[in-house]
Amino acid sequence: MIVGRHIIAELYGVSKDLISKREEVERIMEEVVKEAELTKVGSIYKQFNPHGVTGIVLIAESHISIHTWPEYELVNLDVFTCGDFKKAERAFELFLKKFRPKWYRHYVLDRG
């Protein structure tokens, strides 16, 4: 029995301008949640000094989390949804569109 889809990704070569500051990371995360038609429950973000962000959005379907390392142009991303698996895939596609990595690797785990 499969209860959810979990996409774990590493995005490389992401513009430092997109991932250095909380405001920009939060904007992208919130846009993806809305555009992927996920149900936001709450969110929290942490700005690191001098740069870098960690954030999590709790969604009714599960969660999305992000960790950024601007000095390495790196984003670590988790997208986990229960129910409609296409929503996890849609969210991941949106992250790729918005962060525009030079390359990435990802793993898809069917949970359950």
PDB file of N, CA and C in Angstrom:
ATOM      1  N   MET A   1       0.845  -1.183   0.000  1.00  0.00           N
ATOM      2  CA  MET A   1       0.000   0.000   0.000  1.00  0.00           C
ATOM      3  C   MET A   1       0.886   1.239   0.000  1.00  0.00           C
ATOM      4  N   ILE A   2       0.618   2.154  -0.898  1.00  0.00           N
ATOM      5  CA  ILE A   2       1.351   3.419  -0.977  1.00  0.00           C
ATOM      6  C   ILE A   2       0.454   4.522  -0.432  1.00  0.00           C
ATOM      7  N   VAL A   3       0.973   5.271   0.545  1.00  0.00           N
ATOM      8  CA  VAL A   3       0.173   6.339   1.154  1.00  0.00           C
ATOM      9  C   VAL A   3       0.658   7.737   0.783  1.00  0.00           C
ATOM     10  N   GLY A   4       1.861   7.837   0.204  1.00  0.00           N
ATOM     11  CA  GLY A   4       2.371   9.156  -0.137  1.00  0.00           C
ATOM     12  C   GLY A   4       3.557   9.093  -1.061  1.00  0.00           C
ATOM     13  N   ARG A   5       3.854  10.225  -1.662  1.00  0.00           N
ATOM     14  CA  ARG A   5       5.025  10.365  -2.520  1.00  0.00           C
ATOM     15  C   ARG A   5       5.955  11.387  -1.888  1.00  0.00           C
ATOM     16  N   HIS A   6       7.239  11.010  -1.779  1.00  0.00           N
ATOM     17  CA  HIS A   6       8.252  11.858  -1.150  1.00  0.00           C
ATOM     18  C   HIS A   6       9.352  12.094  -2.182  1.00  0.00           C
ATOM     19  N   ILE A   7       9.529  13.346  -2.563  1.00  0.00           N
ATOM     20  CA  ILE A   7      10.584  13.722  -3.504  1.00  0.00           C
ATOM     21  C   ILE A   7      11.668  14.428  -2.707  1.00  0.00           C
ATOM     22  N   ILE A   8      12.874  13.876  -2.783  1.00  0.00           N
ATOM     23  CA  ILE A   8      14.042  14.441  -2.102  1.00  0.00           C
ATOM     24  C   ILE A   8      14.989  14.919  -3.187  1.00  0.00           C
ATOM     25  N   ALA A   9      15.367  16.195  -3.133  1.00  0.00           N
ATOM     26  CA  ALA A   9      16.136  16.766  -4.240  1.00  0.00           C
ATOM     27  C   ALA A   9      17.277  17.640  -3.759  1.00  0.00           C
ATOM     28  N   GLU A  10      18.302  17.678  -4.577  1.00  0.00           N
ATOM     29  CA  GLU A  10      19.427  18.601  -4.419  1.00  0.00           C
ATOM     30  C   GLU A  10      19.527  19.393  -5.710  1.00  0.00           C
ATOM     31  N   LEU A  11      19.411  20.715  -5.583  1.00  0.00           N
ATOM     32  CA  LEU A  11      19.475  21.607  -6.736  1.00  0.00           C
ATOM     33  C   LEU A  11      20.810  22.335  -6.707  1.00  0.00           C
ATOM     34  N   TYR A  12      21.554  22.269  -7.805  1.00  0.00           N
ATOM     35  CA  TYR A  12      22.897  22.844  -7.883  1.00  0.00           C
ATOM     36  C   TYR A  12      22.932  24.013  -8.864  1.00  0.00           C
ATOM     37  N   GLY A  13      23.787  24.979  -8.561  1.00  0.00           N
ATOM     38  CA  GLY A  13      23.941  26.121  -9.456  1.00  0.00           C
ATOM     39  C   GLY A  13      22.751  27.064  -9.418  1.00  0.00           C
ATOM     40  N   VAL A  14      22.142  27.202  -8.232  1.00  0.00           N
ATOM     41  CA  VAL A  14      21.000  28.107  -8.066  1.00  0.00           C
ATOM     42  C   VAL A  14      21.528  29.503  -7.732  1.00  0.00           C
ATOM     43  N   SER A  15      20.957  30.513  -8.365  1.00  0.00           N
ATOM     44  CA  SER A  15      21.388  31.894  -8.146  1.00  0.00           C
ATOM     45  C   SER A  15      21.362  32.254  -6.660  1.00  0.00           C
ATOM     46  N   LYS A  16      22.456  32.827  -6.185  1.00  0.00           N
ATOM     47  CA  LYS A  16      22.540  33.259  -4.790  1.00  0.00           C
ATOM     48  C   LYS A  16      21.452  34.275  -4.451  1.00  0.00           C
ATOM     49  N   ASP A  17      21.043  35.076  -5.440  1.00  0.00           N
ATOM     50  CA  ASP A  17      19.996  36.070  -5.211  1.00  0.00           C
ATOM     51  C   ASP A  17      18.669  35.427  -4.826  1.00  0.00           C
ATOM     52  N   LEU A  18      18.438  34.206  -5.269  1.00  0.00           N
ATOM     53  CA  LEU A  18      17.170  33.527  -4.983  1.00  0.00           C
ATOM     54  C   LEU A  18      17.160  32.815  -3.638  1.00  0.00           C
ATOM     55  N   ILE A  19      18.344  32.506  -3.096  1.00  0.00           N
ATOM     56  CA  ILE A  19      18.376  31.618  -1.931  1.00  0.00           C
ATOM     57  C   ILE A  19      19.118  32.180  -0.718  1.00  0.00           C
ATOM     58  N   SER A  20      19.520  33.431  -0.779  1.00  0.00           N
ATOM     59  CA  SER A  20      20.271  34.019   0.333  1.00  0.00           C
ATOM     60  C   SER A  20      19.384  34.561   1.447  1.00  0.00           C
ATOM     61  N   LYS A  21      18.248  35.121   1.076  1.00  0.00           N
ATOM     62  CA  LYS A  21      17.406  35.844   2.037  1.00  0.00           C
ATOM     63  C   LYS A  21      16.054  35.172   2.229  1.00  0.00           C
ATOM     64  N   ARG A  22      15.617  35.218   3.461  1.00  0.00           N
ATOM     65  CA  ARG A  22      14.356  34.588   3.856  1.00  0.00           C
ATOM     66  C   ARG A  22      13.185  35.058   2.997  1.00  0.00           C
ATOM     67  N   GLU A  23      13.097  36.344   2.748  1.00  0.00           N
ATOM     68  CA  GLU A  23      11.951  36.889   2.030  1.00  0.00           C
ATOM     69  C   GLU A  23      11.777  36.247   0.657  1.00  0.00           C
ATOM     70  N   GLU A  24      12.860  36.058  -0.047  1.00  0.00           N
ATOM     71  CA  GLU A  24      12.786  35.484  -1.396  1.00  0.00           C
ATOM     72  C   GLU A  24      12.465  33.991  -1.344  1.00  0.00           C
ATOM     73  N   VAL A  25      13.099  33.274  -0.437  1.00  0.00           N
ATOM     74  CA  VAL A  25      12.819  31.836  -0.292  1.00  0.00           C
ATOM     75  C   VAL A  25      11.367  31.630   0.132  1.00  0.00           C
ATOM     76  N   GLU A  26      10.907  32.434   1.085  1.00  0.00           N
ATOM     77  CA  GLU A  26       9.527  32.324   1.545  1.00  0.00           C
ATOM     78  C   GLU A  26       8.544  32.610   0.413  1.00  0.00           C
ATOM     79  N   ARG A  27       8.830  33.623  -0.379  1.00  0.00           N
ATOM     80  CA  ARG A  27       7.953  33.967  -1.504  1.00  0.00           C
ATOM     81  C   ARG A  27       7.817  32.778  -2.456  1.00  0.00           C
ATOM     82  N   ILE A  28       8.945  32.165  -2.793  1.00  0.00           N
ATOM     83  CA  ILE A  28       8.922  31.030  -3.717  1.00  0.00           C
ATOM     84  C   ILE A  28       8.182  29.840  -3.108  1.00  0.00           C
ATOM     85  N   MET A  29       8.471  29.538  -1.858  1.00  0.00           N
ATOM     86  CA  MET A  29       7.796  28.412  -1.199  1.00  0.00           C
ATOM     87  C   MET A  29       6.282  28.615  -1.196  1.00  0.00           C
ATOM     88  N   GLU A  30       5.850  29.804  -0.818  1.00  0.00           N
ATOM     89  CA  GLU A  30       4.416  30.076  -0.718  1.00  0.00           C
ATOM     90  C   GLU A  30       3.748  30.047  -2.091  1.00  0.00           C
ATOM     91  N   GLU A  31       4.435  30.546  -3.113  1.00  0.00           N
ATOM     92  CA  GLU A  31       3.897  30.481  -4.476  1.00  0.00           C
ATOM     93  C   GLU A  31       3.715  29.032  -4.926  1.00  0.00           C
ATOM     94  N   VAL A  32       4.716  28.195  -4.659  1.00  0.00           N
ATOM     95  CA  VAL A  32       4.627  26.798  -5.071  1.00  0.00           C
ATOM     96  C   VAL A  32       3.454  26.106  -4.386  1.00  0.00           C
ATOM     97  N   VAL A  33       3.300  26.326  -3.092  1.00  0.00           N
ATOM     98  CA  VAL A  33       2.189  25.704  -2.363  1.00  0.00           C
ATOM     99  C   VAL A  33       0.856  26.102  -3.002  1.00  0.00           C
ATOM    100  N   LYS A  34       0.714  27.370  -3.297  1.00  0.00           N
ATOM    101  CA  LYS A  34      -0.535  27.854  -3.895  1.00  0.00           C
ATOM    102  C   LYS A  34      -0.730  27.301  -5.306  1.00  0.00           C
ATOM    103  N   GLU A  35       0.303  27.394  -6.139  1.00  0.00           N
ATOM    104  CA  GLU A  35       0.188  26.976  -7.536  1.00  0.00           C
ATOM    105  C   GLU A  35       0.025  25.462  -7.686  1.00  0.00           C
ATOM    106  N   ALA A  36       0.555  24.692  -6.738  1.00  0.00           N
ATOM    107  CA  ALA A  36       0.400  23.237  -6.778  1.00  0.00           C
ATOM    108  C   ALA A  36      -0.911  22.791  -6.131  1.00  0.00           C
ATOM    109  N   GLU A  37      -1.691  23.762  -5.674  1.00  0.00           N
ATOM    110  CA  GLU A  37      -2.987  23.508  -5.052  1.00  0.00           C
ATOM    111  C   GLU A  37      -2.882  22.617  -3.819  1.00  0.00           C
ATOM    112  N   LEU A  38      -1.870  22.921  -3.000  1.00  0.00           N
ATOM    113  CA  LEU A  38      -1.690  22.243  -1.726  1.00  0.00           C
ATOM    114  C   LEU A  38      -2.384  23.059  -0.636  1.00  0.00           C
ATOM    115  N   THR A  39      -2.668  22.434   0.487  1.00  0.00           N
ATOM    116  CA  THR A  39      -3.416  23.080   1.558  1.00  0.00           C
ATOM    117  C   THR A  39      -2.470  23.468   2.692  1.00  0.00           C
ATOM    118  N   LYS A  40      -2.118  24.740   2.755  1.00  0.00           N
ATOM    119  CA  LYS A  40      -1.197  25.217   3.778  1.00  0.00           C
ATOM    120  C   LYS A  40      -1.854  25.215   5.150  1.00  0.00           C
ATOM    121  N   VAL A  41      -1.116  24.655   6.140  1.00  0.00           N
ATOM    122  CA  VAL A  41      -1.548  24.677   7.535  1.00  0.00           C
ATOM    123  C   VAL A  41      -0.764  25.751   8.288  1.00  0.00           C
ATOM    124  N   GLY A  42       0.543  25.852   8.004  1.00  0.00           N
ATOM    125  CA  GLY A  42       1.391  26.842   8.658  1.00  0.00           C
ATOM    126  C   GLY A  42       2.790  26.765   8.079  1.00  0.00           C
ATOM    127  N   SER A  43       3.625  27.735   8.450  1.00  0.00           N
ATOM    128  CA  SER A  43       5.006  27.737   7.955  1.00  0.00           C
ATOM    129  C   SER A  43       5.910  28.459   8.942  1.00  0.00           C
ATOM    130  N   ILE A  44       7.193  28.131   8.850  1.00  0.00           N
ATOM    131  CA  ILE A  44       8.209  28.805   9.655  1.00  0.00           C
ATOM    132  C   ILE A  44       9.503  28.827   8.842  1.00  0.00           C
ATOM    133  N   TYR A  45      10.227  29.940   8.961  1.00  0.00           N
ATOM    134  CA  TYR A  45      11.473  30.121   8.227  1.00  0.00           C
ATOM    135  C   TYR A  45      12.539  30.656   9.171  1.00  0.00           C
ATOM    136  N   LYS A  46      13.770  30.281   8.931  1.00  0.00           N
ATOM    137  CA  LYS A  46      14.907  30.744   9.730  1.00  0.00           C
ATOM    138  C   LYS A  46      15.945  31.343   8.792  1.00  0.00           C
ATOM    139  N   GLN A  47      16.289  32.620   9.026  1.00  0.00           N
ATOM    140  CA  GLN A  47      17.348  33.293   8.276  1.00  0.00           C
ATOM    141  C   GLN A  47      18.667  33.072   9.001  1.00  0.00           C
ATOM    142  N   PHE A  48      19.686  32.606   8.285  1.00  0.00           N
ATOM    143  CA  PHE A  48      21.004  32.449   8.871  1.00  0.00           C
ATOM    144  C   PHE A  48      21.866  33.655   8.528  1.00  0.00           C
ATOM    145  N   ASN A  49      22.890  33.891   9.338  1.00  0.00           N
ATOM    146  CA  ASN A  49      23.797  35.025   9.162  1.00  0.00           C
ATOM    147  C   ASN A  49      25.151  34.503   8.711  1.00  0.00           C
ATOM    148  N   PRO A  50      25.690  34.950   7.599  1.00  0.00           N
ATOM    149  CA  PRO A  50      25.265  36.106   6.823  1.00  0.00           C
ATOM    150  C   PRO A  50      24.210  35.788   5.763  1.00  0.00           C
ATOM    151  N   HIS A  51      23.988  34.521   5.462  1.00  0.00           N
ATOM    152  CA  HIS A  51      22.998  34.173   4.442  1.00  0.00           C
ATOM    153  C   HIS A  51      22.627  32.699   4.576  1.00  0.00           C
ATOM    154  N   GLY A  52      21.570  32.341   3.894  1.00  0.00           N
ATOM    155  CA  GLY A  52      21.071  30.972   3.944  1.00  0.00           C
ATOM    156  C   GLY A  52      19.766  30.917   4.712  1.00  0.00           C
ATOM    157  N   VAL A  53      18.922  29.982   4.324  1.00  0.00           N
ATOM    158  CA  VAL A  53      17.575  29.910   4.874  1.00  0.00           C
ATOM    159  C   VAL A  53      17.181  28.446   5.062  1.00  0.00           C
ATOM    160  N   THR A  54      16.457  28.189   6.129  1.00  0.00           N
ATOM    161  CA  THR A  54      15.765  26.916   6.325  1.00  0.00           C
ATOM    162  C   THR A  54      14.294  27.247   6.485  1.00  0.00           C
ATOM    163  N   GLY A  55      13.447  26.430   5.878  1.00  0.00           N
ATOM    164  CA  GLY A  55      12.021  26.663   6.009  1.00  0.00           C
ATOM    165  C   GLY A  55      11.235  25.385   5.877  1.00  0.00           C
ATOM    166  N   ILE A  56      10.071  25.389   6.481  1.00  0.00           N
ATOM    167  CA  ILE A  56       9.154  24.266   6.336  1.00  0.00           C
ATOM    168  C   ILE A  56       7.742  24.807   6.233  1.00  0.00           C
ATOM    169  N   VAL A  57       7.008  24.222   5.306  1.00  0.00           N
ATOM    170  CA  VAL A  57       5.587  24.527   5.182  1.00  0.00           C
ATOM    171  C   VAL A  57       4.849  23.234   5.512  1.00  0.00           C
ATOM    172  N   LEU A  58       4.057  23.304   6.557  1.00  0.00           N
ATOM    173  CA  LEU A  58       3.194  22.189   6.913  1.00  0.00           C
ATOM    174  C   LEU A  58       1.966  22.296   6.028  1.00  0.00           C
ATOM    175  N   ILE A  59       1.685  21.238   5.300  1.00  0.00           N
ATOM    176  CA  ILE A  59       0.506  21.206   4.447  1.00  0.00           C
ATOM    177  C   ILE A  59      -0.392  20.065   4.933  1.00  0.00           C
ATOM    178  N   ALA A  60      -1.668  20.168   4.669  1.00  0.00           N
ATOM    179  CA  ALA A  60      -2.590  19.112   5.085  1.00  0.00           C
ATOM    180  C   ALA A  60      -2.165  17.779   4.476  1.00  0.00           C
ATOM    181  N   GLU A  61      -1.524  17.839   3.310  1.00  0.00           N
ATOM    182  CA  GLU A  61      -1.074  16.637   2.606  1.00  0.00           C
ATOM    183  C   GLU A  61       0.233  16.079   3.169  1.00  0.00           C
ATOM    184  N   SER A  62       1.000  16.839   3.939  1.00  0.00           N
ATOM    185  CA  SER A  62       2.225  16.432   4.636  1.00  0.00           C
ATOM    186  C   SER A  62       3.128  17.643   4.854  1.00  0.00           C
ATOM    187  N   HIS A  63       4.236  17.781   4.059  1.00  0.00           N
ATOM    188  CA  HIS A  63       5.126  18.924   4.275  1.00  0.00           C
ATOM    189  C   HIS A  63       6.021  19.195   3.067  1.00  0.00           C
ATOM    190  N   ILE A  64       6.576  20.412   3.057  1.00  0.00           N
ATOM    191  CA  ILE A  64       7.640  20.796   2.123  1.00  0.00           C
ATOM    192  C   ILE A  64       8.710  21.458   2.978  1.00  0.00           C
ATOM    193  N   SER A  65       9.962  21.046   2.798  1.00  0.00           N
ATOM    194  CA  SER A  65      11.048  21.682   3.547  1.00  0.00           C
ATOM    195  C   SER A  65      12.175  22.081   2.598  1.00  0.00           C
ATOM    196  N   ILE A  66      12.924  23.107   3.026  1.00  0.00           N
ATOM    197  CA  ILE A  66      14.004  23.632   2.203  1.00  0.00           C
ATOM    198  C   ILE A  66      15.159  24.053   3.098  1.00  0.00           C
ATOM    199  N   HIS A  67      16.366  23.859   2.597  1.00  0.00           N
ATOM    200  CA  HIS A  67      17.589  24.319   3.252  1.00  0.00           C
ATOM    201  C   HIS A  67      18.477  24.877   2.141  1.00  0.00           C
ATOM    202  N   THR A  68      18.965  26.104   2.314  1.00  0.00           N
ATOM    203  CA  THR A  68      19.775  26.725   1.255  1.00  0.00           C
ATOM    204  C   THR A  68      21.189  27.023   1.740  1.00  0.00           C
ATOM    205  N   TRP A  69      22.131  26.865   0.834  1.00  0.00           N
ATOM    206  CA  TRP A  69      23.535  27.213   1.045  1.00  0.00           C
ATOM    207  C   TRP A  69      23.974  28.085  -0.126  1.00  0.00           C
ATOM    208  N   PRO A  70      23.741  29.400  -0.024  1.00  0.00           N
ATOM    209  CA  PRO A  70      24.103  30.288  -1.133  1.00  0.00           C
ATOM    210  C   PRO A  70      25.579  30.216  -1.505  1.00  0.00           C
ATOM    211  N   GLU A  71      26.432  30.006  -0.501  1.00  0.00           N
ATOM    212  CA  GLU A  71      27.868  29.960  -0.796  1.00  0.00           C
ATOM    213  C   GLU A  71      28.239  28.792  -1.706  1.00  0.00           C
ATOM    214  N   TYR A  72      27.378  27.792  -1.783  1.00  0.00           N
ATOM    215  CA  TYR A  72      27.586  26.638  -2.672  1.00  0.00           C
ATOM    216  C   TYR A  72      26.558  26.602  -3.802  1.00  0.00           C
ATOM    217  N   GLU A  73      25.694  27.619  -3.867  1.00  0.00           N
ATOM    218  CA  GLU A  73      24.597  27.669  -4.840  1.00  0.00           C
ATOM    219  C   GLU A  73      23.761  26.388  -4.778  1.00  0.00           C
ATOM    220  N   LEU A  74      23.464  25.944  -3.536  1.00  0.00           N
ATOM    221  CA  LEU A  74      22.833  24.660  -3.283  1.00  0.00           C
ATOM    222  C   LEU A  74      21.508  24.815  -2.548  1.00  0.00           C
ATOM    223  N   VAL A  75      20.522  24.030  -2.988  1.00  0.00           N
ATOM    224  CA  VAL A  75      19.235  23.923  -2.303  1.00  0.00           C
ATOM    225  C   VAL A  75      18.971  22.449  -2.044  1.00  0.00           C
ATOM    226  N   ASN A  76      18.648  22.115  -0.792  1.00  0.00           N
ATOM    227  CA  ASN A  76      18.149  20.785  -0.455  1.00  0.00           C
ATOM    228  C   ASN A  76      16.655  20.935  -0.228  1.00  0.00           C
ATOM    229  N   LEU A  77      15.877  20.073  -0.858  1.00  0.00           N
ATOM    230  CA  LEU A  77      14.439  20.231  -0.896  1.00  0.00           C
ATOM    231  C   LEU A  77      13.755  18.894  -0.661  1.00  0.00           C
ATOM    232  N   ASP A  78      12.703  18.898   0.154  1.00  0.00           N
ATOM    233  CA  ASP A  78      11.828  17.736   0.344  1.00  0.00           C
ATOM    234  C   ASP A  78      10.399  18.154   0.015  1.00  0.00           C
ATOM    235  N   VAL A  79       9.733  17.337  -0.773  1.00  0.00           N
ATOM    236  CA  VAL A  79       8.313  17.535  -1.053  1.00  0.00           C
ATOM    237  C   VAL A  79       7.638  16.205  -0.750  1.00  0.00           C
ATOM    238  N   PHE A  80       6.763  16.198   0.243  1.00  0.00           N
ATOM    239  CA  PHE A  80       6.092  14.963   0.647  1.00  0.00           C
ATOM    240  C   PHE A  80       4.597  15.219   0.681  1.00  0.00           C
ATOM    241  N   THR A  81       3.845  14.470  -0.113  1.00  0.00           N
ATOM    242  CA  THR A  81       2.394  14.601  -0.107  1.00  0.00           C
ATOM    243  C   THR A  81       1.744  13.229  -0.012  1.00  0.00           C
ATOM    244  N   CYS A  82       0.620  13.202   0.641  1.00  0.00           N
ATOM    245  CA  CYS A  82      -0.246  12.029   0.673  1.00  0.00           C
ATOM    246  C   CYS A  82      -1.381  12.293  -0.307  1.00  0.00           C
ATOM    247  N   GLY A  83      -2.082  11.257  -0.655  1.00  0.00           N
ATOM    248  CA  GLY A  83      -3.219  11.434  -1.549  1.00  0.00           C
ATOM    249  C   GLY A  83      -2.778  11.523  -2.995  1.00  0.00           C
ATOM    250  N   ASP A  84      -3.092  12.625  -3.652  1.00  0.00           N
ATOM    251  CA  ASP A  84      -2.814  12.811  -5.075  1.00  0.00           C
ATOM    252  C   ASP A  84      -1.315  12.987  -5.307  1.00  0.00           C
ATOM    253  N   PHE A  85      -0.670  11.955  -5.841  1.00  0.00           N
ATOM    254  CA  PHE A  85       0.777  11.985  -6.053  1.00  0.00           C
ATOM    255  C   PHE A  85       1.191  13.045  -7.075  1.00  0.00           C
ATOM    256  N   LYS A  86       0.302  13.404  -7.961  1.00  0.00           N
ATOM    257  CA  LYS A  86       0.627  14.397  -8.977  1.00  0.00           C
ATOM    258  C   LYS A  86       0.905  15.768  -8.353  1.00  0.00           C
ATOM    259  N   LYS A  87       0.379  16.023  -7.168  1.00  0.00           N
ATOM    260  CA  LYS A  87       0.639  17.307  -6.512  1.00  0.00           C
ATOM    261  C   LYS A  87       2.100  17.420  -6.086  1.00  0.00           C
ATOM    262  N   ALA A  88       2.699  16.330  -5.632  1.00  0.00           N
ATOM    263  CA  ALA A  88       4.125  16.352  -5.283  1.00  0.00           C
ATOM    264  C   ALA A  88       4.952  16.611  -6.534  1.00  0.00           C
ATOM    265  N   GLU A  89       4.615  15.938  -7.609  1.00  0.00           N
ATOM    266  CA  GLU A  89       5.345  16.117  -8.865  1.00  0.00           C
ATOM    267  C   GLU A  89       5.178  17.536  -9.396  1.00  0.00           C
ATOM    268  N   ARG A  90       3.966  18.067  -9.308  1.00  0.00           N
ATOM    269  CA  ARG A  90       3.706  19.438  -9.760  1.00  0.00           C
ATOM    270  C   ARG A  90       4.514  20.434  -8.926  1.00  0.00           C
ATOM    271  N   ALA A  91       4.526  20.261  -7.604  1.00  0.00           N
ATOM    272  CA  ALA A  91       5.296  21.163  -6.744  1.00  0.00           C
ATOM    273  C   ALA A  91       6.772  21.110  -7.113  1.00  0.00           C
ATOM    274  N   PHE A  92       7.307  19.915  -7.335  1.00  0.00           N
ATOM    275  CA  PHE A  92       8.722  19.787  -7.687  1.00  0.00           C
ATOM    276  C   PHE A  92       9.014  20.483  -9.018  1.00  0.00           C
ATOM    277  N   GLU A  93       8.158  20.298 -10.001  1.00  0.00           N
ATOM    278  CA  GLU A  93       8.336  20.978 -11.293  1.00  0.00           C
ATOM    279  C   GLU A  93       8.337  22.496 -11.119  1.00  0.00           C
ATOM    280  N   LEU A  94       7.461  22.999 -10.260  1.00  0.00           N
ATOM    281  CA  LEU A  94       7.410  24.440 -10.004  1.00  0.00           C
ATOM    282  C   LEU A  94       8.694  24.935  -9.341  1.00  0.00           C
ATOM    283  N   PHE A  95       9.226  24.167  -8.390  1.00  0.00           N
ATOM    284  CA  PHE A  95      10.494  24.554  -7.769  1.00  0.00           C
ATOM    285  C   PHE A  95      11.606  24.622  -8.810  1.00  0.00           C
ATOM    286  N   LEU A  96      11.655  23.671  -9.717  1.00  0.00           N
ATOM    287  CA  LEU A  96      12.676  23.695 -10.773  1.00  0.00           C
ATOM    288  C   LEU A  96      12.516  24.940 -11.645  1.00  0.00           C
ATOM    289  N   LYS A  97      11.296  25.281 -11.979  1.00  0.00           N
ATOM    290  CA  LYS A  97      11.023  26.461 -12.803  1.00  0.00           C
ATOM    291  C   LYS A  97      11.443  27.738 -12.093  1.00  0.00           C
ATOM    292  N   LYS A  98      11.182  27.836 -10.799  1.00  0.00           N
ATOM    293  CA  LYS A  98      11.443  29.073 -10.061  1.00  0.00           C
ATOM    294  C   LYS A  98      12.905  29.214  -9.632  1.00  0.00           C
ATOM    295  N   PHE A  99      13.546  28.112  -9.255  1.00  0.00           N
ATOM    296  CA  PHE A  99      14.947  28.188  -8.820  1.00  0.00           C
ATOM    297  C   PHE A  99      15.938  28.084  -9.976  1.00  0.00           C
ATOM    298  N   ARG A 100      15.519  27.509 -11.101  1.00  0.00           N
ATOM    299  CA  ARG A 100      16.354  27.399 -12.303  1.00  0.00           C
ATOM    300  C   ARG A 100      17.756  26.845 -12.015  1.00  0.00           C
ATOM    301  N   PRO A 101      17.852  25.669 -11.407  1.00  0.00           N
ATOM    302  CA  PRO A 101      19.182  25.108 -11.138  1.00  0.00           C
ATOM    303  C   PRO A 101      19.899  24.757 -12.446  1.00  0.00           C
ATOM    304  N   LYS A 102      21.217  24.801 -12.398  1.00  0.00           N
ATOM    305  CA  LYS A 102      21.998  24.363 -13.563  1.00  0.00           C
ATOM    306  C   LYS A 102      21.878  22.861 -13.740  1.00  0.00           C
ATOM    307  N   TRP A 103      21.765  22.158 -12.623  1.00  0.00           N
ATOM    308  CA  TRP A 103      21.497  20.720 -12.652  1.00  0.00           C
ATOM    309  C   TRP A 103      20.967  20.290 -11.302  1.00  0.00           C
ATOM    310  N   TYR A 104      20.430  19.117 -11.258  1.00  0.00           N
ATOM    311  CA  TYR A 104      19.858  18.618 -10.005  1.00  0.00           C
ATOM    312  C   TYR A 104      19.853  17.098 -10.023  1.00  0.00           C
ATOM    313  N   ARG A 105      19.701  16.551  -8.836  1.00  0.00           N
ATOM    314  CA  ARG A 105      19.424  15.127  -8.707  1.00  0.00           C
ATOM    315  C   ARG A 105      18.276  14.992  -7.718  1.00  0.00           C
ATOM    316  N   HIS A 106      17.483  13.953  -7.925  1.00  0.00           N
ATOM    317  CA  HIS A 106      16.348  13.763  -7.038  1.00  0.00           C
ATOM    318  C   HIS A 106      15.996  12.289  -6.934  1.00  0.00           C
ATOM    319  N   TYR A 107      15.329  11.987  -5.856  1.00  0.00           N
ATOM    320  CA  TYR A 107      14.880  10.634  -5.575  1.00  0.00           C
ATOM    321  C   TYR A 107      13.387  10.694  -5.301  1.00  0.00           C
ATOM    322  N   VAL A 108      12.664   9.730  -5.824  1.00  0.00           N
ATOM    323  CA  VAL A 108      11.236   9.646  -5.586  1.00  0.00           C
ATOM    324  C   VAL A 108      10.966   8.396  -4.793  1.00  0.00           C
ATOM    325  N   LEU A 109      10.401   8.576  -3.610  1.00  0.00           N
ATOM    326  CA  LEU A 109      10.077   7.460  -2.739  1.00  0.00           C
ATOM    327  C   LEU A 109       8.569   7.362  -2.589  1.00  0.00           C
ATOM    328  N   ASP A 110       8.029   6.206  -2.893  1.00  0.00           N
ATOM    329  CA  ASP A 110       6.628   5.965  -2.602  1.00  0.00           C
ATOM    330  C   ASP A 110       6.580   5.425  -1.191  1.00  0.00           C
ATOM    331  N   ARG A 111       5.895   6.149  -0.303  1.00  0.00           N
ATOM    332  CA  ARG A 111       5.885   5.830   1.120  1.00  0.00           C
ATOM    333  C   ARG A 111       4.688   4.944   1.468  1.00  0.00           C
ATOM    334  N   GLY A 112       4.921   4.048   2.384  1.00  0.00           N
ATOM    335  CA  GLY A 112       3.836   3.202   2.860  1.00  0.00           C
ATOM    336  C   GLY A 112       4.221   1.744   2.884  1.00  0.00           C
TER     337      GLY A 112
END
